Amino acid sequence: MHPVFCGLMDWMLIGKALCLVAVLEGLAYALAPRGMRDAAAMVSRLPAATLRRVGLVTMGLGAALLYLLSH
C-alpha cells in the first residue's frame, strides 16, 4: 500500500478511537448524571499530585493494554 494511504489510515484509526471515547463518556453522563457530578466533585477536591499520579498510571495501563492487543 502506498505510504500516503498508510498515514491516512493511521489518522482515521485515531479519529475512530477518539469518537469511541466520546461515545463512552457521553453514555456515562446519560446513564448516571448524578454519579458523574458526584465523581467530578470528588476529583476536584483531590490534590494535584494525586491527579497526576492517577493520570500517569491510567495512561501507562492504557498504553500497555493497547500494546498487548495490537501484538
N, C-alpha and C. Protein backbone atom coordinates (compact mmCIF):
# COMPACT_ATOMS: atom_id res chain seq x y z
N MET A 1 0.85 -1.18 0.00
CA MET A 1 0.00 0.00 0.00
C MET A 1 0.89 1.24 0.00
N HIS A 2 0.45 2.25 -0.67
CA HIS A 2 1.20 3.50 -0.77
C HIS A 2 1.34 4.14 0.60
N PRO A 3 2.54 4.70 0.93
CA PRO A 3 2.76 5.29 2.26
C PRO A 3 1.76 6.39 2.63
N VAL A 4 1.29 7.14 1.64
CA VAL A 4 0.33 8.21 1.94
C VAL A 4 -0.96 7.61 2.48
N PHE A 5 -1.41 6.52 1.90
CA PHE A 5 -2.64 5.88 2.36
C PHE A 5 -2.46 5.26 3.74
N CYS A 6 -1.26 4.72 4.02
CA CYS A 6 -0.99 4.15 5.35
C CYS A 6 -1.08 5.25 6.41
N GLY A 7 -0.50 6.40 6.14
CA GLY A 7 -0.57 7.51 7.09
C GLY A 7 -1.99 7.99 7.29
N LEU A 8 -2.77 8.03 6.22
CA LEU A 8 -4.16 8.45 6.31
C LEU A 8 -4.97 7.45 7.13
N MET A 9 -4.68 6.17 6.96
CA MET A 9 -5.39 5.14 7.71
C MET A 9 -5.07 5.25 9.21
N ASP A 10 -3.83 5.61 9.55
CA ASP A 10 -3.47 5.81 10.95
C ASP A 10 -4.29 6.94 11.55
N TRP A 11 -4.45 8.03 10.83
CA TRP A 11 -5.23 9.16 11.33
C TRP A 11 -6.70 8.79 11.44
N MET A 12 -7.18 7.98 10.51
CA MET A 12 -8.58 7.52 10.58
C MET A 12 -8.79 6.67 11.83
N LEU A 13 -7.84 5.82 12.15
CA LEU A 13 -7.94 4.98 13.34
C LEU A 13 -7.93 5.83 14.61
N ILE A 14 -7.08 6.84 14.65
CA ILE A 14 -7.04 7.74 15.80
C ILE A 14 -8.37 8.48 15.93
N GLY A 15 -8.91 8.93 14.82
CA GLY A 15 -10.21 9.60 14.83
C GLY A 15 -11.31 8.68 15.34
N LYS A 16 -11.30 7.43 14.90
CA LYS A 16 -12.31 6.47 15.37
C LYS A 16 -12.16 6.21 16.86
N ALA A 17 -10.93 6.12 17.33
CA ALA A 17 -10.70 5.89 18.76
C ALA A 17 -11.23 7.07 19.58
N LEU A 18 -11.00 8.29 19.12
CA LEU A 18 -11.50 9.46 19.83
C LEU A 18 -13.03 9.51 19.82
N CYS A 19 -13.63 9.10 18.73
CA CYS A 19 -15.09 9.04 18.67
C CYS A 19 -15.62 8.01 19.66
N LEU A 20 -14.95 6.89 19.79
CA LEU A 20 -15.37 5.87 20.75
C LEU A 20 -15.27 6.40 22.18
N VAL A 21 -14.22 7.15 22.48
CA VAL A 21 -14.09 7.77 23.80
C VAL A 21 -15.26 8.71 24.05
N ALA A 22 -15.62 9.51 23.07
CA ALA A 22 -16.75 10.44 23.23
C ALA A 22 -18.06 9.68 23.45
N VAL A 23 -18.27 8.59 22.75
CA VAL A 23 -19.49 7.79 22.92
C VAL A 23 -19.54 7.22 24.33
N LEU A 24 -18.44 6.64 24.80
CA LEU A 24 -18.43 6.04 26.14
C LEU A 24 -18.60 7.09 27.24
N GLU A 25 -17.96 8.22 27.08
CA GLU A 25 -18.11 9.28 28.08
C GLU A 25 -19.54 9.83 28.07
N GLY A 26 -20.08 10.03 26.90
CA GLY A 26 -21.47 10.50 26.80
C GLY A 26 -22.44 9.50 27.39
N LEU A 27 -22.17 8.23 27.21
CA LEU A 27 -23.02 7.18 27.77
C LEU A 27 -23.02 7.26 29.30
N ALA A 28 -21.86 7.47 29.89
CA ALA A 28 -21.78 7.59 31.35
C ALA A 28 -22.61 8.77 31.85
N TYR A 29 -22.51 9.91 31.18
CA TYR A 29 -23.30 11.09 31.58
C TYR A 29 -24.78 10.86 31.37
N ALA A 30 -25.16 10.16 30.30
CA ALA A 30 -26.57 9.92 30.01
C ALA A 30 -27.19 8.94 31.00
N LEU A 31 -26.44 7.91 31.39
CA LEU A 31 -26.98 6.89 32.27
C LEU A 31 -26.92 7.25 33.75
N ALA A 32 -25.90 8.02 34.14
CA ALA A 32 -25.73 8.33 35.57
C ALA A 32 -25.27 9.77 35.77
N PRO A 33 -26.12 10.74 35.43
CA PRO A 33 -25.68 12.14 35.55
C PRO A 33 -25.33 12.54 36.98
N ARG A 34 -26.08 12.05 37.95
CA ARG A 34 -25.78 12.40 39.34
C ARG A 34 -24.45 11.77 39.78
N GLY A 35 -24.23 10.54 39.38
CA GLY A 35 -22.96 9.89 39.71
C GLY A 35 -21.77 10.59 39.08
N MET A 36 -21.92 11.04 37.85
CA MET A 36 -20.84 11.76 37.18
C MET A 36 -20.57 13.10 37.86
N ARG A 37 -21.64 13.78 38.30
CA ARG A 37 -21.48 15.05 39.01
C ARG A 37 -20.76 14.82 40.34
N ASP A 38 -21.16 13.76 41.06
CA ASP A 38 -20.51 13.44 42.33
C ASP A 38 -19.04 13.08 42.12
N ALA A 39 -18.76 12.31 41.07
CA ALA A 39 -17.37 11.94 40.78
C ALA A 39 -16.54 13.17 40.44
N ALA A 40 -17.10 14.09 39.66
CA ALA A 40 -16.37 15.31 39.31
C ALA A 40 -16.09 16.16 40.55
N ALA A 41 -17.05 16.21 41.48
CA ALA A 41 -16.85 16.96 42.72
C ALA A 41 -15.75 16.33 43.55
N MET A 42 -15.73 15.01 43.61
CA MET A 42 -14.70 14.30 44.37
C MET A 42 -13.32 14.54 43.76
N VAL A 43 -13.24 14.45 42.44
CA VAL A 43 -11.96 14.65 41.76
C VAL A 43 -11.47 16.08 41.96
N SER A 44 -12.37 17.04 42.00
CA SER A 44 -11.96 18.44 42.15
C SER A 44 -11.34 18.70 43.53
N ARG A 45 -11.62 17.83 44.49
CA ARG A 45 -11.04 18.00 45.83
C ARG A 45 -9.70 17.30 46.01
N LEU A 46 -9.29 16.50 45.05
CA LEU A 46 -8.02 15.77 45.16
C LEU A 46 -6.84 16.71 44.91
N PRO A 47 -5.72 16.45 45.60
CA PRO A 47 -4.52 17.26 45.34
C PRO A 47 -3.99 17.03 43.92
N ALA A 48 -3.30 18.01 43.40
CA ALA A 48 -2.76 17.93 42.04
C ALA A 48 -1.82 16.74 41.89
N ALA A 49 -1.01 16.46 42.90
CA ALA A 49 -0.06 15.34 42.81
C ALA A 49 -0.80 14.00 42.66
N THR A 50 -1.91 13.86 43.34
CA THR A 50 -2.70 12.63 43.24
C THR A 50 -3.30 12.50 41.85
N LEU A 51 -3.84 13.59 41.33
CA LEU A 51 -4.40 13.57 39.97
C LEU A 51 -3.33 13.22 38.94
N ARG A 52 -2.14 13.77 39.14
CA ARG A 52 -1.04 13.49 38.21
C ARG A 52 -0.69 12.01 38.24
N ARG A 53 -0.58 11.44 39.45
CA ARG A 53 -0.25 10.01 39.56
C ARG A 53 -1.34 9.14 38.93
N VAL A 54 -2.59 9.46 39.21
CA VAL A 54 -3.69 8.70 38.62
C VAL A 54 -3.65 8.80 37.10
N GLY A 55 -3.39 9.99 36.59
CA GLY A 55 -3.30 10.17 35.13
C GLY A 55 -2.16 9.38 34.52
N LEU A 56 -1.00 9.39 35.17
CA LEU A 56 0.15 8.64 34.64
C LEU A 56 -0.09 7.13 34.70
N VAL A 57 -0.67 6.65 35.79
CA VAL A 57 -0.95 5.22 35.89
C VAL A 57 -1.99 4.80 34.85
N THR A 58 -3.04 5.60 34.69
CA THR A 58 -4.07 5.30 33.70
C THR A 58 -3.49 5.30 32.29
N MET A 59 -2.65 6.28 32.00
CA MET A 59 -2.02 6.36 30.69
C MET A 59 -1.12 5.15 30.45
N GLY A 60 -0.36 4.76 31.47
CA GLY A 60 0.53 3.61 31.34
C GLY A 60 -0.24 2.32 31.12
N LEU A 61 -1.30 2.13 31.90
CA LEU A 61 -2.12 0.92 31.73
C LEU A 61 -2.78 0.89 30.35
N GLY A 62 -3.28 2.03 29.91
CA GLY A 62 -3.88 2.08 28.58
C GLY A 62 -2.89 1.78 27.48
N ALA A 63 -1.69 2.34 27.59
CA ALA A 63 -0.66 2.08 26.58
C ALA A 63 -0.24 0.61 26.59
N ALA A 64 -0.12 0.02 27.78
CA ALA A 64 0.25 -1.39 27.88
C ALA A 64 -0.83 -2.29 27.29
N LEU A 65 -2.09 -1.99 27.60
CA LEU A 65 -3.17 -2.79 27.05
C LEU A 65 -3.26 -2.64 25.53
N LEU A 66 -3.08 -1.44 25.04
CA LEU A 66 -3.07 -1.22 23.60
C LEU A 66 -1.95 -2.00 22.93
N TYR A 67 -0.79 -2.01 23.56
CA TYR A 67 0.35 -2.77 23.02
C TYR A 67 0.02 -4.27 22.99
N LEU A 68 -0.52 -4.79 24.10
CA LEU A 68 -0.85 -6.22 24.16
C LEU A 68 -1.90 -6.61 23.14
N LEU A 69 -2.88 -5.74 22.93
CA LEU A 69 -3.94 -6.05 21.98
C LEU A 69 -3.50 -5.95 20.52
N SER A 70 -2.44 -5.18 20.28
CA SER A 70 -2.00 -5.00 18.89
C SER A 70 -0.84 -5.90 18.51
N HIS A 71 -0.32 -6.67 19.47
CA HIS A 71 0.79 -7.58 19.14
C HIS A 71 0.48 -9.00 19.53
